[in-house]
Amino acid sequence: MNSRRAFIEKLGKGAAFSTLALATPLDATSQWLTKNNKEMKTFKIGIIGAENSHTADFGKLFNVEKAFPGMEVKYVWGETQEFAEKAMQDGKIQNRVDDPKDMLGKIDGLIVDHRHAKFHLETAIPFIKAGVPTFIDKPFCYRAKEGKAFLELAKKHGTPVTSFSSVANSYDTFDIKEQLKTMGTIDQVTRYGPATLDSEYGGIFFYGVHSVQPLLYLFGDTVERVRVQKNGKNSSASLVFENGMMASLIFTTKNYGWQTFVETEKGIVELRSRLEEKTPGKNYVDMVHMFKTGETSRSNESIIHCVAVLEALEKSVTSEQWEKVAKYDEI
């Protein structure tokens, strides 16, 4: 608790750490061009965190598959040297740093990717103060109050920051959202997906974000209260939205994957995308767009609402009672 309080206080004093005049994201974009404006410089990405397999996947995407020409993952910091070296080998990442700050001045974009969200924000502070566009993997953070302070600090420094679940921020989700426009009023939703309430990586936060965030994309950032039910290894949760819609989350224990069903006038319908798989995914496209232009696809309020829902679910894991989801202006 004391460390979190100190962290929030440090965020609030962000202006005292730097008096540099920072370029806007669009100004920064112009710096990637060579003097004759005919050749684009390599956009260099650094990653903080290597325990997740995602780090090697980012390396493969940019360095091996060349999905975004002119962009490369150049640096990585790992929780252990072993984690970092494995990511370097699998993702063809050239450089390992012993301290994340060693990447300052060397990268054009930052990815933060820890298994536990409580580590996401603090190491990114020097980079947002330096104006480095930052993508933070899901979930954005572990406490909504810390996340709100972090995003306000980033806004103060003119630094674009975004975060999203790859399951939520996908072409499939947006296709389903279009389909919902023709289905009439939805009052009941059931979503199946994995989650471990006692995960060492933040309990419900670790995989629960993939169950919660897609529903927010589809039905809005308006969850008012939540409740978790447990029976041995089996568990579920209920979410109540402002309009009265109720969503039931069934946390699967035998299956990896997500399915969503809604009740319509025509009966129970499974929400399925009509699209063929498209690569690179929308999550990567939107992240790169943010790096290059400074434009983000999610509002700060949306990012924090998802964290607030997860935080309320975490409280309900313990209380097994209804817990209120904090509103943005209450955090």
Protein backbone atom coordinates (compact mmCIF):
# COMPACT_ATOMS: atom_id res chain seq x y z
CA MET A 1 0.00 0.00 0.00
CA ASN A 2 2.81 2.41 0.89
CA SER A 3 4.61 1.75 -2.39
CA ARG A 4 1.44 2.42 -4.36
CA ARG A 5 0.81 5.66 -2.45
CA ALA A 6 4.37 6.81 -3.15
CA PHE A 7 3.90 5.92 -6.81
CA ILE A 8 0.75 8.04 -7.08
CA GLU A 9 2.45 10.95 -5.32
CA LYS A 10 5.35 10.66 -7.74
CA LEU A 11 2.99 10.82 -10.68
CA GLY A 12 1.35 13.91 -9.28
CA LYS A 13 4.72 15.65 -9.09
CA GLY A 14 5.56 14.83 -12.70
CA ALA A 15 6.18 18.45 -13.65
CA ALA A 16 9.03 18.68 -11.19
CA PHE A 17 10.99 15.96 -12.94
CA SER A 18 11.44 17.68 -16.27
CA THR A 19 11.30 21.16 -17.74
CA LEU A 20 12.05 20.03 -21.27
CA ALA A 21 9.91 21.35 -24.08
CA LEU A 22 8.63 18.15 -25.66
CA ALA A 23 7.75 17.71 -29.32
CA THR A 24 4.21 16.78 -30.21
CA PRO A 25 3.71 13.27 -31.66
CA LEU A 26 3.35 14.73 -35.16
CA ASP A 27 6.54 16.77 -34.68
CA ALA A 28 8.27 13.59 -33.60
CA THR A 29 7.07 11.84 -36.75
CA SER A 30 8.96 14.32 -38.90
CA GLN A 31 12.18 13.33 -37.13
CA TRP A 32 12.09 9.87 -38.72
CA LEU A 33 12.80 11.39 -42.13
CA THR A 34 16.33 11.94 -43.39
CA LYS A 35 17.36 15.46 -44.31
CA ASN A 36 16.37 15.10 -47.93
CA ASN A 37 12.94 13.74 -46.87
CA LYS A 38 13.28 10.95 -49.42
CA GLU A 39 14.17 8.07 -47.15
CA MET A 40 12.43 7.02 -43.99
CA LYS A 41 14.65 6.22 -41.01
CA THR A 42 14.10 2.99 -39.12
CA PHE A 43 11.52 3.45 -36.38
CA LYS A 44 13.18 1.85 -33.35
CA ILE A 45 11.02 0.11 -30.72
CA GLY A 46 12.06 -0.92 -27.22
CA ILE A 47 10.25 -3.43 -25.00
CA ILE A 48 10.18 -3.49 -21.20
CA GLY A 49 9.36 -7.00 -20.00
CA ALA A 50 10.23 -10.37 -21.47
CA GLU A 51 8.53 -12.94 -19.25
CA ASN A 52 5.55 -13.06 -21.61
CA SER A 53 5.80 -14.85 -24.94
CA HIS A 54 4.30 -11.65 -26.39
CA THR A 55 7.72 -9.99 -26.38
CA ALA A 56 9.18 -12.56 -28.77
CA ASP A 57 5.99 -12.32 -30.82
CA PHE A 58 6.47 -8.56 -31.18
CA GLY A 59 10.02 -9.25 -32.31
CA LYS A 60 8.86 -11.79 -34.89
CA LEU A 61 6.18 -9.39 -36.16
CA PHE A 62 8.53 -6.47 -36.73
CA ASN A 63 11.93 -8.10 -37.25
CA VAL A 64 11.22 -11.44 -38.92
CA GLU A 65 7.89 -11.07 -40.73
CA LYS A 66 8.55 -7.38 -41.51
CA ALA A 67 4.82 -6.78 -41.14
CA PHE A 68 5.50 -3.04 -40.85
CA PRO A 69 8.46 -2.15 -43.07
CA GLY A 70 10.78 0.43 -41.59
CA MET A 71 9.95 -0.53 -38.00
CA GLU A 72 12.07 -2.82 -35.83
CA VAL A 73 12.26 -3.94 -32.22
CA LYS A 74 15.82 -2.95 -31.36
CA TYR A 75 16.00 -3.22 -27.56
CA VAL A 76 14.59 -5.35 -24.78
CA TRP A 77 14.80 -5.38 -21.01
CA GLY A 78 13.84 -8.60 -19.26
CA GLU A 79 12.86 -9.41 -15.70
CA THR A 80 15.77 -11.87 -15.86
CA GLN A 81 18.64 -12.18 -18.28
CA GLU A 82 17.30 -15.57 -19.32
CA PHE A 83 13.89 -14.12 -20.25
CA ALA A 84 15.54 -11.35 -22.25
CA GLU A 85 17.92 -13.62 -24.12
CA LYS A 86 15.14 -16.03 -25.08
CA ALA A 87 13.07 -13.13 -26.45
CA MET A 88 16.14 -11.86 -28.31
CA GLN A 89 16.72 -15.25 -29.89
CA ASP A 90 13.11 -15.96 -30.83
CA GLY A 91 12.31 -12.41 -31.93
CA LYS A 92 15.67 -11.53 -33.50
CA ILE A 93 16.08 -8.56 -31.15
CA GLN A 94 19.60 -7.19 -31.29
CA ASN A 95 20.14 -5.47 -27.96
CA ARG A 96 19.54 -6.19 -24.27
CA VAL A 97 19.69 -3.44 -21.67
CA ASP A 98 20.35 -3.90 -17.95
CA ASP A 99 18.15 -0.94 -17.01
CA PRO A 100 15.04 0.14 -18.96
CA LYS A 101 16.24 3.76 -18.78
CA ASP A 102 19.22 2.75 -20.94
CA MET A 103 16.79 2.84 -23.88
CA LEU A 104 16.05 6.55 -23.42
CA GLY A 105 17.20 8.53 -26.43
CA LYS A 106 17.60 5.35 -28.47
CA ILE A 107 14.00 4.41 -29.27
CA ASP A 108 11.05 6.03 -31.05
CA GLY A 109 8.32 3.90 -29.47
CA LEU A 110 7.93 1.83 -26.29
CA ILE A 111 6.03 -1.38 -25.52
CA VAL A 112 5.52 -2.39 -21.89
CA ASP A 113 4.64 -6.03 -21.35
CA HIS A 114 4.73 -7.67 -17.91
CA ARG A 115 2.70 -10.66 -16.82
CA HIS A 116 1.47 -8.76 -13.76
CA ALA A 117 -0.09 -5.39 -14.50
CA LYS A 118 1.19 -3.87 -11.24
CA PHE A 119 4.60 -3.48 -12.90
CA HIS A 120 3.38 -1.71 -16.05
CA LEU A 121 3.34 1.97 -15.24
CA GLU A 122 6.30 2.96 -13.09
CA THR A 123 9.01 1.92 -15.54
CA ALA A 124 7.26 3.81 -18.34
CA ILE A 125 7.26 7.19 -16.55
CA PRO A 126 10.68 8.38 -17.82
CA PHE A 127 9.61 7.57 -21.37
CA ILE A 128 6.31 9.41 -21.29
CA LYS A 129 8.12 12.39 -19.79
CA ALA A 130 10.51 12.21 -22.74
CA GLY A 131 7.62 12.14 -25.24
CA VAL A 132 8.08 8.51 -26.35
CA PRO A 133 4.76 7.06 -27.68
CA THR A 134 3.92 4.12 -25.43
CA PHE A 135 1.81 1.00 -25.83
CA ILE A 136 1.05 -0.88 -22.62
CA ASP A 137 -0.11 -4.45 -23.05
CA LYS A 138 -3.24 -5.69 -21.34
CA PRO A 139 -4.32 -5.11 -18.70
CA PHE A 140 -3.23 -1.46 -18.65
CA CYS A 141 -2.55 -1.39 -14.92
CA TYR A 142 -3.52 -2.93 -11.61
CA ARG A 143 -5.20 0.07 -9.96
CA ALA A 144 -7.48 2.57 -11.67
CA LYS A 145 -6.26 5.48 -9.54
CA GLU A 146 -2.66 4.90 -10.59
CA GLY A 147 -3.70 4.50 -14.21
CA LYS A 148 -5.67 7.74 -14.26
CA ALA A 149 -2.73 9.67 -12.76
CA PHE A 150 -0.37 8.10 -15.30
CA LEU A 151 -2.58 9.05 -18.26
CA GLU A 152 -2.98 12.59 -16.96
CA LEU A 153 0.81 12.87 -16.70
CA ALA A 154 1.18 11.58 -20.26
CA LYS A 155 -1.38 14.13 -21.47
CA LYS A 156 0.54 16.89 -19.70
CA HIS A 157 3.69 15.92 -21.60
CA GLY A 158 1.87 15.50 -24.91
CA THR A 159 2.78 11.81 -25.08
CA PRO A 160 0.37 9.35 -26.75
CA VAL A 161 -0.37 6.26 -24.68
CA THR A 162 -2.76 3.42 -25.40
CA SER A 163 -3.55 -0.10 -24.25
CA PHE A 164 -5.95 -2.84 -25.26
CA SER A 165 -6.63 -6.54 -25.29
CA SER A 166 -5.90 -8.23 -28.61
CA VAL A 167 -9.18 -10.12 -28.25
CA ALA A 168 -11.15 -6.89 -27.83
CA ASN A 169 -9.31 -4.67 -30.29
CA SER A 170 -9.79 -6.97 -33.26
CA TYR A 171 -11.46 -6.87 -36.66
CA ASP A 172 -13.75 -9.65 -35.42
CA THR A 173 -15.02 -7.57 -32.50
CA PHE A 174 -15.78 -4.60 -34.72
CA ASP A 175 -17.61 -6.82 -37.22
CA ILE A 176 -19.74 -8.23 -34.39
CA LYS A 177 -20.45 -4.69 -33.21
CA GLU A 178 -21.87 -3.91 -36.67
CA GLN A 179 -24.06 -7.01 -36.51
CA LEU A 180 -25.47 -5.96 -33.14
CA LYS A 181 -26.99 -2.88 -34.78
CA THR A 182 -29.55 -5.14 -36.49
CA MET A 183 -30.38 -7.35 -33.49
CA GLY A 184 -32.60 -5.00 -31.53
CA THR A 185 -32.34 -4.43 -27.78
CA ILE A 186 -30.04 -6.82 -25.96
CA ASP A 187 -30.89 -7.49 -22.31
CA GLN A 188 -28.91 -10.66 -21.58
CA VAL A 189 -25.36 -11.63 -22.57
CA THR A 190 -23.33 -14.70 -21.65
CA ARG A 191 -19.62 -14.90 -22.34
CA TYR A 192 -17.39 -17.92 -21.83
CA GLY A 193 -13.64 -17.63 -21.39
CA PRO A 194 -10.72 -18.59 -19.15
CA ALA A 195 -9.81 -16.80 -15.94
CA THR A 196 -8.04 -17.80 -12.75
CA LEU A 197 -9.25 -15.94 -9.70
CA ASP A 198 -6.11 -16.71 -7.70
CA SER A 199 -3.51 -16.26 -10.44
CA GLU A 200 -0.17 -15.04 -9.10
CA TYR A 201 -0.22 -12.48 -11.94
CA GLY A 202 -3.09 -10.45 -10.56
CA GLY A 203 -5.92 -12.92 -10.15
CA ILE A 204 -8.93 -11.91 -12.26
CA PHE A 205 -6.84 -9.24 -14.00
CA PHE A 206 -4.60 -11.74 -15.79
CA TYR A 207 -7.08 -13.35 -18.18
CA GLY A 208 -10.28 -11.68 -17.05
CA VAL A 209 -9.44 -8.66 -19.20
CA HIS A 210 -10.11 -10.77 -22.31
CA SER A 211 -13.61 -11.52 -21.02
CA VAL A 212 -14.44 -8.00 -19.85
CA GLN A 213 -12.91 -5.68 -22.43
CA PRO A 214 -14.65 -7.14 -25.52
CA LEU A 215 -18.00 -6.62 -23.82
CA LEU A 216 -17.12 -2.98 -23.19
CA TYR A 217 -16.21 -2.56 -26.85
CA LEU A 218 -19.52 -4.09 -27.89
CA PHE A 219 -21.93 -2.63 -25.32
CA GLY A 220 -20.21 0.46 -23.92
CA ASP A 221 -18.18 1.58 -20.93
CA THR A 222 -21.14 1.73 -18.58
CA VAL A 223 -20.84 -1.16 -16.12
CA GLU A 224 -22.30 -0.08 -12.77
CA ARG A 225 -21.77 -3.08 -10.51
CA VAL A 226 -20.39 -6.60 -10.55
CA ARG A 227 -20.52 -9.78 -8.52
CA VAL A 228 -18.40 -12.95 -8.54
CA GLN A 229 -19.78 -16.37 -7.63
CA LYS A 230 -17.54 -19.29 -6.64
CA ASN A 231 -18.11 -23.00 -6.13
CA GLY A 232 -14.86 -24.87 -5.72
CA LYS A 233 -12.82 -24.52 -8.90
CA ASN A 234 -15.85 -23.25 -10.79
CA SER A 235 -16.65 -19.55 -10.91
CA SER A 236 -18.65 -16.94 -12.76
CA ALA A 237 -19.43 -13.25 -12.58
CA SER A 238 -22.34 -10.93 -13.27
CA LEU A 239 -22.03 -7.43 -14.73
CA VAL A 240 -24.89 -4.94 -14.69
CA PHE A 241 -24.79 -2.07 -17.21
CA GLU A 242 -26.44 1.35 -16.79
CA ASN A 243 -29.25 0.45 -19.21
CA GLY A 244 -30.13 -2.65 -17.18
CA MET A 245 -28.43 -5.16 -19.45
CA MET A 246 -26.85 -8.03 -17.56
CA ALA A 247 -23.79 -9.91 -18.73
CA SER A 248 -22.82 -13.27 -17.25
CA LEU A 249 -19.19 -14.34 -17.43
CA ILE A 250 -18.53 -18.07 -17.20
CA PHE A 251 -14.87 -18.65 -16.35
CA THR A 252 -13.92 -21.84 -18.15
CA THR A 253 -11.48 -24.38 -16.70
CA LYS A 254 -11.21 -26.92 -19.52
CA ASN A 255 -11.14 -24.74 -22.59
CA TYR A 256 -9.00 -21.89 -23.94
CA GLY A 257 -11.04 -19.56 -26.11
CA TRP A 258 -13.97 -17.17 -25.93
CA GLN A 259 -17.61 -17.41 -26.98
CA THR A 260 -20.40 -14.87 -26.53
CA PHE A 261 -24.16 -15.43 -26.71
CA VAL A 262 -27.01 -12.90 -26.60
CA GLU A 263 -30.74 -13.21 -26.15
CA THR A 264 -32.73 -11.71 -29.02
CA GLU A 265 -36.36 -11.74 -30.10
CA LYS A 266 -35.45 -14.70 -32.33
CA GLY A 267 -33.81 -16.69 -29.55
CA ILE A 268 -30.27 -17.23 -28.27
CA VAL A 269 -27.67 -16.20 -30.81
CA GLU A 270 -23.93 -16.75 -30.72
CA LEU A 271 -21.99 -13.68 -31.76
CA ARG A 272 -19.58 -14.70 -34.50
CA SER A 273 -17.46 -12.68 -36.85
CA ARG A 274 -18.18 -13.01 -40.56
CA LEU A 275 -14.62 -12.08 -41.51
CA GLU A 276 -11.74 -14.19 -42.73
CA GLU A 277 -8.63 -13.96 -40.59
CA LYS A 278 -6.64 -10.86 -41.46
CA THR A 279 -2.98 -10.19 -40.68
CA PRO A 280 -1.51 -8.21 -39.15
CA GLY A 281 -4.29 -7.92 -36.60
CA LYS A 282 -6.10 -4.71 -35.78
CA ASN A 283 -4.35 -4.55 -32.40
CA TYR A 284 -0.98 -4.29 -34.15
CA VAL A 285 -2.24 -1.89 -36.83
CA ASP A 286 -3.70 0.46 -34.22
CA MET A 287 -0.57 0.32 -32.09
CA VAL A 288 1.62 1.22 -35.08
CA HIS A 289 -0.79 4.00 -36.08
CA MET A 290 -0.42 5.46 -32.59
CA PHE A 291 3.38 5.23 -32.81
CA LYS A 292 3.46 7.02 -36.16
CA THR A 293 0.76 9.66 -35.73
CA GLY A 294 0.10 10.04 -32.03
CA GLU A 295 -3.58 9.21 -32.63
CA THR A 296 -5.10 6.70 -30.23
CA SER A 297 -8.17 4.52 -30.76
CA ARG A 298 -9.29 4.54 -27.10
CA SER A 299 -10.06 7.37 -24.72
CA ASN A 300 -8.44 7.58 -21.31
CA GLU A 301 -11.89 7.11 -19.78
CA SER A 302 -12.36 3.84 -21.68
CA ILE A 303 -8.96 2.50 -20.64
CA ILE A 304 -9.59 3.29 -16.98
CA HIS A 305 -13.17 1.99 -16.96
CA CYS A 306 -11.95 -1.48 -17.89
CA VAL A 307 -9.44 -1.38 -15.02
CA ALA A 308 -12.18 -0.19 -12.65
CA VAL A 309 -14.42 -3.13 -13.66
CA LEU A 310 -11.57 -5.60 -13.05
CA GLU A 311 -10.82 -3.94 -9.72
CA ALA A 312 -14.45 -4.29 -8.65
CA LEU A 313 -14.43 -7.94 -9.73
CA GLU A 314 -11.30 -8.50 -7.64
CA LYS A 315 -13.06 -7.05 -4.58
CA SER A 316 -16.04 -9.32 -5.21
CA VAL A 317 -13.79 -12.39 -5.39
CA THR A 318 -13.16 -11.78 -1.70
CA SER A 319 -16.54 -10.45 -0.61
CA GLU A 320 -18.70 -12.56 -2.95
CA GLN A 321 -21.08 -9.59 -2.86
CA TRP A 322 -22.10 -6.92 -5.35
CA GLU A 323 -19.35 -4.32 -5.76
CA LYS A 324 -19.78 -0.89 -7.32
CA VAL A 325 -17.60 0.05 -10.30
CA ALA A 326 -15.96 3.43 -9.66
CA LYS A 327 -16.78 6.13 -12.20
CA TYR A 328 -13.93 8.00 -13.86
CA ASP A 329 -14.59 11.26 -12.02
CA GLU A 330 -14.70 9.38 -8.70
CA ILE A 331 -11.29 7.77 -9.13
